[in-house]
Every structure is written in C-alpha cells, then in structure tokens.
Amino acid sequence: MVGFLIFIAVLVVIGLWVAGIYNGLVISRNAYKNAFAQIDVQLQRRFDLIPNLVEVARKYMAHERETLEAVIAARSAAQSGLSAAKANPGDPAAMAQLAAAQGQLNAGLGRLLAVAEAYPELKANENMLQLTEELTSTENKVAFARQAFNDAVMAYNNKREVFPSAIFAGIFGFLAATLLDIPADKQAQVREAPKVQF
C-alpha cells in the first residue's frame, strides 16, 4: 500500500513538472504573438498614413505618377504580407514575405520622399510636413515593435530548445518561431527610417 502511494506521488510530481514545462512554453508562445500584435498596430498606422501622403504629393507631382503608383503597389503588397504573418506569427515563410514586402515599401517611400525634395511647394505644404513627421514617428515605433517581437521569439525559442523543455516541445508540437529579419539586400533601406528634410 505504501509503495502504491509513493508511486502515485511520483506520478503527480512528474505530471506537475510536465504541466509546468508545457505552461511555460504556452506563455512564451503567447508573448511573441502579443509582441507581433504590436507590430501589426504600428504597420496598420503606417498603411493608413501612406494614402494621405501620396494624395498630398499627387497634387504637386503630376509628372511623378510612376513613383506614386509604385508606393501604392508596395503598400498593397505589404498589407498582404502583414495579413499572412498575422495569421501565423513566427512562421518562416510568413516572416520572409512580410520582411520583403516591408523592404519594398520602405524603398518606395524613400524614393517618394527623395523626389518630393524637387518640389518646393510640396516641401512647404503643411499637410506634407505633418504626414512625413507622423510617418517618421511610426517608422521608429515599428522598429521598436520589431525588436520586442524578435526578443520574445528568441526567449520562446530558447525555452523550447533547452533541456528538458526540448523533449516536450516536440511532443506537444511547439515549433520554432522565426525572427522578423530584414533581407540582406534591403537592410540599408529598412534599418533607417525614410529621411525627411523639409
């Protein structure tokens, strides 16, 4: 009888230990998903600013239609990338698609702001000044949110890879999450917010 009670006690302790590991993995996974939600908020804000920026610029930049259309197309691609990533934050393919789309959007915005330099009336426009200031602020917030997401992903991946969690992570289906990295060919464009000099 005593042996049976000891056996039951050992099973309970092991069960609690496994439950603790499982709960820790769930908490870490939820943390990086929450961190991605902050990226989503900032990118949505950015997407909302872009049509206003393009509309103000369009009035002054009649000869730059191709630049304006490229920004709108890049915005659409970036929104699609965000939707894919939102459906499965941490998925390697979704993170790569989002990073590439954001790189294209940054390049388009950079071109738009560089071309806008040639239009003195546009540079002096109050709406343009306000929109570019908000865009720069949002770019900084996106960078902070991306860093928080990457930190949360790293903490999750560390938790799922260390012993004994590594054993149970595989059993319970906790897959590795992917950082929101910037593609090597886009790093120079994405690491800096678009320069705004009016």
Protein backbone atom coordinates (compact mmCIF):
# COMPACT_ATOMS: atom_id res chain seq x y z
CA MET A 1 0.00 0.00 0.00
CA VAL A 2 2.79 2.42 0.90
CA GLY A 3 4.58 1.56 -2.34
CA PHE A 4 1.43 2.36 -4.30
CA LEU A 5 1.08 5.76 -2.58
CA ILE A 6 4.72 6.57 -3.34
CA PHE A 7 4.16 5.58 -6.97
CA ILE A 8 1.08 7.85 -7.17
CA ALA A 9 3.01 10.72 -5.54
CA VAL A 10 5.87 10.33 -8.04
CA LEU A 11 3.36 10.36 -10.94
CA VAL A 12 1.73 13.52 -9.56
CA VAL A 13 5.10 15.25 -9.21
CA ILE A 14 6.10 14.24 -12.76
CA GLY A 15 2.69 15.37 -14.06
CA LEU A 16 3.06 18.76 -12.37
CA TRP A 17 6.60 19.09 -13.71
CA VAL A 18 5.45 18.34 -17.29
CA ALA A 19 2.49 20.71 -16.88
CA GLY A 20 4.89 23.44 -15.72
CA ILE A 21 7.07 22.94 -18.79
CA TYR A 22 4.01 22.96 -21.07
CA ASN A 23 2.61 26.10 -19.44
CA GLY A 24 5.97 27.86 -19.76
CA LEU A 25 6.06 27.08 -23.48
CA VAL A 26 2.49 28.34 -23.93
CA ILE A 27 3.28 31.56 -22.06
CA SER A 28 6.38 32.16 -24.20
CA ARG A 29 4.48 31.47 -27.42
CA ASN A 30 1.70 33.85 -26.38
CA ALA A 31 4.31 36.51 -25.54
CA TYR A 32 5.75 36.54 -29.04
CA LYS A 33 2.28 36.52 -30.59
CA ASN A 34 1.38 39.53 -28.44
CA ALA A 35 4.61 41.24 -29.50
CA PHE A 36 3.63 40.65 -33.13
CA ALA A 37 0.26 42.27 -32.44
CA GLN A 38 2.18 45.45 -31.58
CA ILE A 39 3.94 45.30 -34.95
CA ASP A 40 0.52 44.89 -36.56
CA VAL A 41 -0.79 48.03 -34.84
CA GLN A 42 2.15 50.14 -35.98
CA LEU A 43 2.15 48.81 -39.53
CA GLN A 44 -1.58 49.45 -39.85
CA ARG A 45 -0.95 53.03 -38.72
CA ARG A 46 1.77 53.30 -41.34
CA PHE A 47 -0.52 51.88 -44.03
CA ASP A 48 -3.19 54.42 -43.08
CA LEU A 49 -0.75 57.33 -43.45
CA ILE A 50 0.54 56.37 -46.89
CA PRO A 51 -2.58 57.13 -48.99
CA ASN A 52 -2.78 60.60 -47.41
CA LEU A 53 0.90 61.20 -48.11
CA VAL A 54 0.50 60.08 -51.73
CA GLU A 55 -2.63 62.20 -52.19
CA VAL A 56 -0.89 65.35 -50.95
CA ALA A 57 2.13 64.62 -53.13
CA ARG A 58 -0.03 63.85 -56.19
CA LYS A 59 -1.28 67.43 -56.34
CA TYR A 60 2.26 68.72 -56.78
CA MET A 61 3.99 65.82 -58.53
CA ALA A 62 1.94 65.35 -61.68
CA HIS A 63 4.99 64.12 -63.60
CA GLU A 64 5.90 61.52 -60.97
CA ARG A 65 2.92 59.22 -61.46
CA GLU A 66 5.12 56.12 -61.65
CA THR A 67 6.67 56.85 -58.25
CA LEU A 68 3.27 57.39 -56.65
CA GLU A 69 1.84 54.20 -58.16
CA ALA A 70 4.89 52.23 -57.00
CA VAL A 71 4.27 53.36 -53.42
CA ILE A 72 0.60 52.36 -53.58
CA ALA A 73 1.50 48.95 -55.07
CA ALA A 74 4.17 48.41 -52.41
CA ARG A 75 1.62 49.34 -49.72
CA SER A 76 -0.79 46.70 -51.04
CA ALA A 77 1.95 44.06 -51.10
CA ALA A 78 2.98 45.00 -47.57
CA GLN A 79 -0.62 44.70 -46.36
CA SER A 80 -0.82 41.22 -47.89
CA GLY A 81 2.44 40.28 -46.21
CA LEU A 82 1.13 41.53 -42.89
CA SER A 83 -2.08 39.52 -43.28
CA ALA A 84 -0.09 36.34 -43.93
CA ALA A 85 2.17 37.00 -40.95
CA LYS A 86 -0.76 37.88 -38.69
CA ALA A 87 -2.32 34.50 -39.45
CA ASN A 88 0.80 32.71 -38.22
CA PRO A 89 3.35 34.92 -36.43
CA GLY A 90 6.74 33.28 -36.32
CA ASP A 91 6.18 31.14 -39.44
CA PRO A 92 9.35 31.30 -41.58
CA ALA A 93 7.56 31.84 -44.91
CA ALA A 94 5.21 34.47 -43.48
CA MET A 95 8.05 36.37 -41.80
CA ALA A 96 10.12 36.31 -45.01
CA GLN A 97 7.15 37.58 -47.05
CA LEU A 98 6.47 40.35 -44.54
CA ALA A 99 10.11 41.43 -44.37
CA ALA A 100 10.45 41.52 -48.16
CA ALA A 101 7.21 43.47 -48.59
CA GLN A 102 8.19 45.97 -45.91
CA GLY A 103 11.57 46.42 -47.59
CA GLN A 104 9.87 47.22 -50.90
CA LEU A 105 7.54 49.67 -49.19
CA ASN A 106 10.44 51.40 -47.45
CA ALA A 107 12.26 51.69 -50.78
CA GLY A 108 9.16 53.18 -52.42
CA LEU A 109 8.64 55.67 -49.61
CA GLY A 110 12.30 56.61 -49.75
CA ARG A 111 12.01 57.32 -53.49
CA LEU A 112 8.83 59.32 -52.95
CA LEU A 113 10.42 61.49 -50.28
CA ALA A 114 13.58 61.94 -52.36
CA VAL A 115 11.55 63.04 -55.40
CA ALA A 116 9.46 65.35 -53.20
CA GLU A 117 12.64 67.31 -52.46
CA ALA A 118 12.49 68.68 -56.01
CA TYR A 119 9.10 70.34 -55.39
CA PRO A 120 9.46 73.43 -53.16
CA GLU A 121 5.69 73.94 -52.86
CA LEU A 122 5.26 70.37 -51.69
CA LYS A 123 8.11 70.67 -49.20
CA ALA A 124 6.40 73.72 -47.70
CA ASN A 125 2.93 72.14 -47.60
CA GLU A 126 1.65 71.91 -44.01
CA ASN A 127 -0.09 68.57 -44.60
CA MET A 128 3.03 67.07 -46.16
CA LEU A 129 5.14 68.21 -43.23
CA GLN A 130 2.71 66.74 -40.72
CA LEU A 131 2.34 63.44 -42.61
CA THR A 132 6.08 62.95 -43.02
CA GLU A 133 6.60 63.69 -39.32
CA GLU A 134 3.95 61.12 -38.39
CA LEU A 135 5.46 58.63 -40.81
CA THR A 136 8.91 59.06 -39.28
CA SER A 137 7.47 58.62 -35.79
CA THR A 138 5.63 55.49 -36.91
CA GLU A 139 8.80 54.09 -38.50
CA ASN A 140 10.53 54.42 -35.14
CA LYS A 141 7.63 52.66 -33.41
CA VAL A 142 7.76 49.85 -35.98
CA ALA A 143 11.47 49.39 -35.27
CA PHE A 144 10.84 49.18 -31.52
CA ALA A 145 7.94 46.76 -32.02
CA ARG A 146 10.08 44.58 -34.31
CA GLN A 147 12.82 44.48 -31.68
CA ALA A 148 10.32 43.50 -28.96
CA PHE A 149 8.93 40.75 -31.22
CA ASN A 150 12.39 39.41 -32.00
CA ASP A 151 13.27 39.41 -28.29
CA ALA A 152 10.08 37.48 -27.48
CA VAL A 153 10.75 34.99 -30.30
CA MET A 154 14.28 34.46 -29.04
CA ALA A 155 13.03 33.85 -25.48
CA TYR A 156 10.45 31.36 -26.79
CA ASN A 157 12.98 29.54 -28.98
CA ASN A 158 15.45 29.38 -26.09
CA LYS A 159 12.77 27.94 -23.82
CA ARG A 160 11.76 25.29 -26.35
CA GLU A 161 15.37 24.29 -27.12
CA VAL A 162 16.77 23.85 -23.60
CA PHE A 163 16.62 20.55 -21.78
CA PRO A 164 14.14 19.22 -20.64
CA SER A 165 11.72 21.52 -22.49
CA ALA A 166 13.17 20.40 -25.82
CA ILE A 167 11.79 16.90 -25.26
CA PHE A 168 8.28 18.10 -24.52
CA ALA A 169 8.26 20.90 -27.11
CA GLY A 170 8.48 18.30 -29.86
CA ILE A 171 5.88 16.05 -28.26
CA PHE A 172 3.39 18.90 -27.80
CA GLY A 173 4.03 20.45 -31.25
CA PHE A 174 5.78 23.69 -30.23
CA LEU A 175 7.59 24.59 -33.45
CA ALA A 176 10.45 27.07 -33.69
CA ALA A 177 9.42 30.65 -34.38
CA THR A 178 11.23 32.83 -36.89
CA LEU A 179 12.55 36.31 -36.23
CA LEU A 180 11.33 39.21 -38.33
CA ASP A 181 14.65 39.70 -40.10
CA ILE A 182 15.38 42.18 -42.79
CA PRO A 183 16.56 40.62 -46.07
CA ALA A 184 20.24 41.31 -46.68
CA ASP A 185 19.56 43.26 -49.88
CA LYS A 186 17.07 45.54 -48.06
CA GLN A 187 18.97 46.16 -44.81
CA ALA A 188 20.28 49.59 -45.74
CA GLN A 189 16.78 50.78 -46.68
CA VAL A 190 14.94 49.29 -43.70
CA ARG A 191 17.39 49.97 -40.90
CA GLU A 192 16.86 53.70 -41.28
CA ALA A 193 13.52 55.44 -41.33
CA PRO A 194 12.99 57.41 -44.53
CA LYS A 195 14.84 60.68 -44.26
CA VAL A 196 12.55 63.65 -44.17
CA GLN A 197 14.16 67.04 -44.72
CA PHE A 198 11.86 69.93 -45.43
